[in-house]
Amino acid sequence: MMRSQTIHQRGQPTQSRGGFTLVELLVVIGIIALLISVLLPALNKARAASKTTVCLSNLRQMGQGWNIYLSENKGRLPHYVWSSAQGAGRTGTDLQEFLWHSYWFGILGDKRVNISSILCPEAQEPVPYNTKGGGNGGFGLAKNAWSGEFQSSLPVGIALVKNTPLNMTMDASKGGYRVGSYEFNRNVTAGNPKSSAPSPTASSAANFGWTITAVKPSTEVPVFFDSTWVDGNSFPNGTLQSPPQMPKDLSGAESATVASGSDHYRFLIARHGRAINVCFADGSARTVQLEDTFNLQWTPFWVRYTLPNLPRK
């Protein structure tokens, strides 16, 4: 009898265990949360590094286009072309075509640089409103591209016809406006098409000369770089003991409203951490910490030093 009972008990199906207990579920959730908190900073850092790499690739492409232009023009630097003031009497569609192709954006586009990709991945979305608050605005921010949409004096190199859509092609007949994340150093031009040969003088805005051979050292002269605006040339130098006024923060917001002659506000932005990417006159590109931006050769007479008074954020 005992044996029969034992066999019967052994033959009974084992009861299955139902789900997690509340304590077990909380433990699993806690482990997942801990893993996320550990991995998220690393993932964000990897994502930022990837965007920096793409940005540097963009700038190297721009450097290649720059060198192709120089090669085809026997080393002659491009003139600075922006508006009808440099149009040599051109009007109408002729002026629009001239501006669209002769501004630095157009020069690169004509050298097969994909201008639709001249956007830093950290600042792809154009600024959604006129940061200047009126007039010829459209300045970008550290994490927003500049935009030609808000230009009021037309046509210019980044906008042709009012109330027409974005145009990131080389077809000027479409009108429209351009957007971008990078700036061109106007000191690396041959000046106004109507002017005589550049005569460099020790000022905050000084052209290097007529040809690329005058741009020295070419590995240290910025040509294209992360910025909140399309171009600039008036970079106040100062000294280590008496540097120029610095922005209150690194958001880029002040660059739209600061007084003229303070073009350095445009590149002192937290776009790649506390750094920007720069393409140099020799076509190379690298990441430069904001403190070291004044160690670059912005003009022929630049006094180099490490910035001592940058804001922390």
Protein backbone atom coordinates (compact mmCIF):
# COMPACT_ATOMS: atom_id res chain seq x y z
CA MET A 1 0.00 0.00 0.00
CA MET A 2 2.76 2.36 0.90
CA ARG A 3 4.59 1.58 -2.35
CA SER A 4 1.45 2.16 -4.41
CA GLN A 5 0.88 5.50 -2.73
CA THR A 6 4.45 6.53 -3.32
CA ILE A 7 4.19 5.70 -7.00
CA HIS A 8 0.97 7.69 -7.28
CA GLN A 9 2.56 10.77 -5.70
CA ARG A 10 5.49 10.56 -8.03
CA GLY A 11 3.21 10.34 -11.00
CA GLN A 12 1.42 13.60 -10.17
CA PRO A 13 2.32 16.49 -12.52
CA THR A 14 4.65 19.11 -11.04
CA GLN A 15 2.98 22.48 -10.57
CA SER A 16 4.49 25.20 -12.83
CA ARG A 17 5.75 28.41 -11.24
CA GLY A 18 3.87 31.52 -12.29
CA GLY A 19 5.87 34.67 -13.45
CA PHE A 20 8.18 36.94 -11.51
CA THR A 21 7.42 38.05 -8.02
CA LEU A 22 7.20 41.79 -7.42
CA VAL A 23 10.59 41.79 -5.72
CA GLU A 24 12.22 39.96 -8.64
CA LEU A 25 10.63 42.36 -11.13
CA LEU A 26 11.94 45.37 -9.20
CA VAL A 27 15.41 43.86 -9.12
CA VAL A 28 15.38 43.36 -12.91
CA ILE A 29 14.16 46.92 -13.47
CA GLY A 30 16.88 48.22 -11.16
CA ILE A 31 19.57 46.30 -13.06
CA ILE A 32 18.30 47.63 -16.41
CA ALA A 33 18.26 51.20 -15.06
CA LEU A 34 21.78 50.78 -13.75
CA LEU A 35 23.02 49.49 -17.11
CA ILE A 36 21.37 52.40 -18.92
CA SER A 37 22.94 54.94 -16.54
CA VAL A 38 26.35 53.35 -17.12
CA LEU A 39 26.06 52.95 -20.91
CA LEU A 40 24.22 56.15 -21.85
CA PRO A 41 27.16 58.55 -21.33
CA ALA A 42 29.37 56.25 -23.38
CA LEU A 43 26.75 56.06 -26.13
CA ASN A 44 26.33 59.84 -26.15
CA LYS A 45 30.09 60.28 -26.31
CA ALA A 46 30.34 57.83 -29.21
CA ARG A 47 27.50 59.60 -31.02
CA ALA A 48 29.17 63.00 -30.55
CA ALA A 49 32.50 61.59 -31.79
CA SER A 50 30.76 60.21 -34.86
CA LYS A 51 29.22 63.60 -35.64
CA THR A 52 32.61 65.28 -35.21
CA THR A 53 34.08 62.82 -37.72
CA VAL A 54 31.33 63.56 -40.26
CA CYS A 55 31.85 67.30 -39.77
CA LEU A 56 35.59 66.93 -40.39
CA SER A 57 34.80 64.94 -43.54
CA ASN A 58 32.58 67.79 -44.75
CA LEU A 59 35.37 70.30 -44.17
CA ARG A 60 37.93 68.13 -45.97
CA GLN A 61 35.61 67.99 -48.98
CA MET A 62 35.40 71.78 -48.84
CA GLY A 63 39.19 71.91 -48.64
CA GLN A 64 39.43 69.75 -51.76
CA GLY A 65 37.07 72.07 -53.62
CA TRP A 66 39.13 75.05 -52.43
CA ASN A 67 42.35 73.51 -53.75
CA ILE A 68 40.75 72.62 -57.09
CA TYR A 69 39.69 76.26 -57.48
CA LEU A 70 43.20 77.49 -56.66
CA SER A 71 44.77 75.00 -59.05
CA GLU A 72 42.49 76.04 -61.90
CA ASN A 73 43.22 79.73 -61.23
CA LYS A 74 47.01 79.41 -60.87
CA GLY A 75 46.92 80.01 -57.13
CA ARG A 76 44.89 83.22 -57.37
CA LEU A 77 42.63 83.73 -54.37
CA PRO A 78 38.92 84.33 -55.06
CA HIS A 79 37.47 87.81 -54.82
CA TYR A 80 34.95 88.50 -52.10
CA VAL A 81 31.52 88.55 -53.73
CA TRP A 82 28.31 89.08 -51.75
CA SER A 83 25.87 91.58 -53.31
CA SER A 84 25.26 93.94 -56.21
CA ALA A 85 28.07 96.11 -54.81
CA GLN A 86 30.48 93.53 -56.23
CA GLY A 87 28.34 92.82 -59.30
CA ALA A 88 30.17 95.18 -61.69
CA GLY A 89 26.96 96.65 -63.09
CA ARG A 90 25.11 93.36 -63.49
CA THR A 91 21.36 93.39 -62.98
CA GLY A 92 18.41 90.98 -62.99
CA THR A 93 19.03 87.30 -63.66
CA ASP A 94 22.61 88.03 -64.72
CA LEU A 95 23.36 89.44 -61.27
CA GLN A 96 21.61 86.51 -59.57
CA GLU A 97 23.66 83.98 -61.54
CA PHE A 98 26.86 85.86 -60.73
CA LEU A 99 26.19 86.00 -57.00
CA TRP A 100 24.96 82.40 -56.77
CA HIS A 101 28.14 81.06 -58.37
CA SER A 102 30.76 83.56 -57.19
CA TYR A 103 30.06 83.54 -53.47
CA TRP A 104 32.14 80.89 -51.62
CA PHE A 105 29.16 78.53 -51.45
CA GLY A 106 28.83 78.67 -55.22
CA ILE A 107 32.58 78.36 -55.83
CA LEU A 108 32.63 75.08 -53.91
CA GLY A 109 29.43 73.87 -55.58
CA ASP A 110 30.94 74.46 -59.01
CA LYS A 111 33.94 72.36 -57.95
CA ARG A 112 31.66 69.38 -57.29
CA VAL A 113 31.43 69.81 -53.56
CA ASN A 114 27.98 68.60 -52.52
CA ILE A 115 26.68 71.83 -51.03
CA SER A 116 23.59 70.06 -49.70
CA SER A 117 25.94 68.37 -47.20
CA ILE A 118 27.69 71.56 -46.09
CA LEU A 119 25.93 71.17 -42.78
CA CYS A 120 27.58 70.07 -39.56
CA PRO A 121 25.59 67.12 -38.14
CA GLU A 122 25.58 68.98 -34.81
CA ALA A 123 23.81 71.94 -36.47
CA GLN A 124 21.71 70.58 -39.31
CA GLU A 125 18.41 72.27 -38.53
CA PRO A 126 18.37 75.92 -39.63
CA VAL A 127 17.53 78.52 -37.02
CA PRO A 128 13.70 78.70 -36.95
CA TYR A 129 13.45 82.45 -36.37
CA ASN A 130 15.38 85.62 -37.07
CA THR A 131 17.91 85.72 -34.25
CA LYS A 132 18.89 89.28 -35.14
CA GLY A 133 15.34 90.48 -34.64
CA GLY A 134 15.21 92.45 -37.88
CA GLY A 135 17.14 93.53 -40.94
CA ASN A 136 19.59 91.13 -42.51
CA GLY A 137 19.48 88.39 -39.93
CA GLY A 138 19.40 84.62 -39.91
CA PHE A 139 22.41 84.01 -37.66
CA GLY A 140 22.62 80.44 -36.41
CA LEU A 141 23.37 79.07 -32.96
CA ALA A 142 25.78 76.49 -31.58
CA LYS A 143 23.29 73.74 -32.50
CA ASN A 144 21.44 75.44 -35.37
CA ALA A 145 22.54 76.31 -38.89
CA TRP A 146 22.42 79.88 -40.21
CA SER A 147 19.75 80.66 -42.80
CA GLY A 148 19.39 83.00 -45.76
CA GLU A 149 15.62 83.01 -45.29
CA PHE A 150 15.69 86.22 -43.25
CA GLN A 151 17.74 88.37 -45.64
CA SER A 152 15.93 91.59 -46.51
CA SER A 153 18.40 93.14 -48.98
CA LEU A 154 18.31 90.88 -52.04
CA PRO A 155 19.92 89.38 -54.00
CA VAL A 156 22.97 88.25 -52.03
CA GLY A 157 25.17 85.15 -52.05
CA ILE A 158 22.85 83.14 -49.77
CA ALA A 159 19.43 84.42 -50.89
CA LEU A 160 18.11 85.57 -54.25
CA VAL A 161 14.34 86.12 -54.31
CA LYS A 162 12.07 86.89 -51.38
CA ASN A 163 9.43 84.34 -50.35
CA THR A 164 10.93 81.48 -52.36
CA PRO A 165 11.86 78.10 -50.85
CA LEU A 166 15.15 76.61 -49.78
CA ASN A 167 17.48 76.11 -52.74
CA MET A 168 20.57 73.98 -52.12
CA THR A 169 21.30 73.50 -55.81
CA MET A 170 23.50 75.45 -58.22
CA ASP A 171 20.45 76.50 -60.25
CA ALA A 172 19.98 80.23 -59.61
CA SER A 173 16.78 80.30 -61.68
CA LYS A 174 15.00 78.60 -58.76
CA GLY A 175 15.61 81.62 -56.53
CA GLY A 176 15.39 80.70 -52.88
CA TYR A 177 17.93 80.77 -50.10
CA ARG A 178 20.76 78.68 -48.68
CA VAL A 179 21.49 77.32 -45.19
CA GLY A 180 24.77 76.15 -43.68
CA SER A 181 26.83 75.52 -40.57
CA TYR A 182 30.19 76.88 -41.67
CA GLU A 183 31.88 80.24 -42.15
CA PHE A 184 34.43 81.52 -44.67
CA ASN A 185 37.39 83.62 -43.53
CA ARG A 186 37.14 86.69 -45.78
CA ASN A 187 40.75 87.60 -45.04
CA VAL A 188 41.69 84.71 -47.36
CA THR A 189 40.37 86.51 -50.45
CA ALA A 190 41.73 88.97 -53.00
CA GLY A 191 39.31 91.58 -51.69
CA ASN A 192 36.58 93.40 -53.59
CA PRO A 193 36.58 92.75 -57.38
CA LYS A 194 36.60 96.52 -57.95
CA SER A 195 39.53 97.22 -55.64
CA SER A 196 43.23 97.30 -56.39
CA ALA A 197 45.52 94.59 -55.07
CA PRO A 198 45.12 93.93 -51.34
CA SER A 199 47.56 95.84 -49.19
CA PRO A 200 47.69 94.03 -45.84
CA THR A 201 47.76 96.28 -42.81
CA ALA A 202 47.90 95.40 -39.14
CA SER A 203 44.17 95.50 -38.34
CA SER A 204 41.45 93.16 -37.16
CA ALA A 205 40.50 92.66 -40.83
CA ALA A 206 43.49 92.20 -43.13
CA ASN A 207 43.71 90.33 -46.43
CA PHE A 208 46.75 88.11 -46.89
CA GLY A 209 47.27 89.08 -50.53
CA TRP A 210 46.48 88.06 -54.11
CA THR A 211 47.63 84.44 -54.18
CA ILE A 212 47.77 81.36 -52.00
CA THR A 213 51.54 81.73 -51.63
CA ALA A 214 50.86 84.79 -49.44
CA VAL A 215 48.70 82.74 -47.07
CA LYS A 216 51.26 81.58 -44.49
CA PRO A 217 51.56 79.29 -42.69
CA SER A 218 48.94 77.50 -44.77
CA THR A 219 48.54 74.75 -42.14
CA GLU A 220 47.43 77.34 -39.56
CA VAL A 221 45.26 79.79 -41.54
CA PRO A 222 41.53 79.00 -41.12
CA VAL A 223 39.49 79.11 -44.34
CA PHE A 224 36.25 77.28 -43.42
CA PHE A 225 35.10 76.51 -39.89
CA ASP A 226 32.12 75.85 -37.59
CA SER A 227 30.27 79.10 -37.04
CA THR A 228 26.93 80.85 -36.59
CA TRP A 229 27.31 82.95 -39.76
CA VAL A 230 28.38 82.66 -43.39
CA ASP A 231 31.55 84.76 -43.39
CA GLY A 232 33.61 87.19 -41.35
CA ASN A 233 36.88 89.07 -41.39
CA SER A 234 36.94 91.45 -38.44
CA PHE A 235 38.47 89.26 -35.73
CA PRO A 236 39.84 91.47 -32.95
CA ASN A 237 43.20 90.13 -31.84
CA GLY A 238 44.19 91.74 -28.56
CA THR A 239 46.90 90.20 -26.41
CA LEU A 240 47.15 87.61 -23.67
CA GLN A 241 47.21 90.44 -21.12
CA SER A 242 44.35 92.31 -22.81
CA PRO A 243 42.19 89.96 -24.90
CA PRO A 244 39.04 91.17 -26.67
CA GLN A 245 35.62 90.97 -25.07
CA MET A 246 34.31 87.40 -24.84
CA PRO A 247 30.67 86.22 -25.17
CA LYS A 248 28.75 85.57 -21.97
CA ASP A 249 28.17 81.94 -22.94
CA LEU A 250 28.98 79.54 -25.78
CA SER A 251 25.44 79.21 -27.22
CA GLY A 252 26.17 81.56 -30.12
CA ALA A 253 23.13 83.72 -29.36
CA GLU A 254 25.13 86.92 -28.90
CA SER A 255 26.77 86.67 -32.33
CA ALA A 256 23.61 88.04 -33.98
CA THR A 257 23.43 91.20 -31.88
CA VAL A 258 27.01 92.03 -30.89
CA ALA A 259 28.52 95.19 -32.37
CA SER A 260 30.39 94.99 -35.68
CA GLY A 261 34.07 94.16 -35.38
CA SER A 262 33.45 91.22 -33.06
CA ASP A 263 33.32 88.39 -35.58
CA HIS A 264 35.07 86.04 -33.13
CA TYR A 265 31.73 85.64 -31.33
CA ARG A 266 30.62 83.56 -34.34
CA PHE A 267 33.05 80.69 -33.82
CA LEU A 268 33.34 80.73 -30.02
CA ILE A 269 30.52 78.22 -29.69
CA ALA A 270 29.98 74.87 -27.95
CA ARG A 271 29.35 72.83 -31.10
CA HIS A 272 31.72 69.90 -30.53
CA GLY A 273 31.98 70.16 -26.78
CA ARG A 274 34.31 73.08 -26.16
CA ALA A 275 35.71 72.89 -29.69
CA ILE A 276 35.06 73.63 -33.36
CA ASN A 277 36.28 71.97 -36.55
CA VAL A 278 38.44 73.98 -38.94
CA CYS A 279 39.57 73.56 -42.56
CA PHE A 280 42.92 75.24 -43.23
CA ALA A 281 44.41 76.90 -46.31
CA ASP A 282 46.32 73.72 -47.23
CA GLY A 283 43.05 71.75 -47.33
CA SER A 284 43.60 69.87 -44.07
CA ALA A 285 41.00 69.83 -41.29
CA ARG A 286 41.16 69.21 -37.56
CA THR A 287 39.33 69.83 -34.30
CA VAL A 288 40.48 72.92 -32.38
CA GLN A 289 39.65 73.60 -28.74
CA LEU A 290 38.02 77.01 -28.25
CA GLU A 291 40.85 78.15 -25.98
CA ASP A 292 43.28 77.47 -28.87
CA THR A 293 41.36 79.26 -31.62
CA PHE A 294 43.44 82.40 -31.12
CA ASN A 295 46.56 80.29 -31.62
CA LEU A 296 45.57 80.08 -35.30
CA GLN A 297 46.67 82.62 -37.94
CA TRP A 298 43.46 84.53 -38.67
CA THR A 299 45.18 87.49 -40.37
CA PRO A 300 48.73 88.18 -41.63
CA PHE A 301 49.61 90.10 -38.47
CA TRP A 302 47.90 87.90 -35.91
CA VAL A 303 49.47 87.63 -32.44
CA ARG A 304 48.86 84.09 -31.23
CA TYR A 305 47.98 83.13 -27.67
CA THR A 306 45.68 80.86 -25.66
CA LEU A 307 42.43 82.53 -24.65
CA PRO A 308 42.34 83.06 -20.88
CA ASN A 309 38.79 84.33 -20.32
CA LEU A 310 36.32 82.06 -22.12
CA PRO A 311 32.99 81.36 -20.42
CA ARG A 312 32.67 77.90 -18.87
CA LYS A 313 29.43 76.97 -20.67
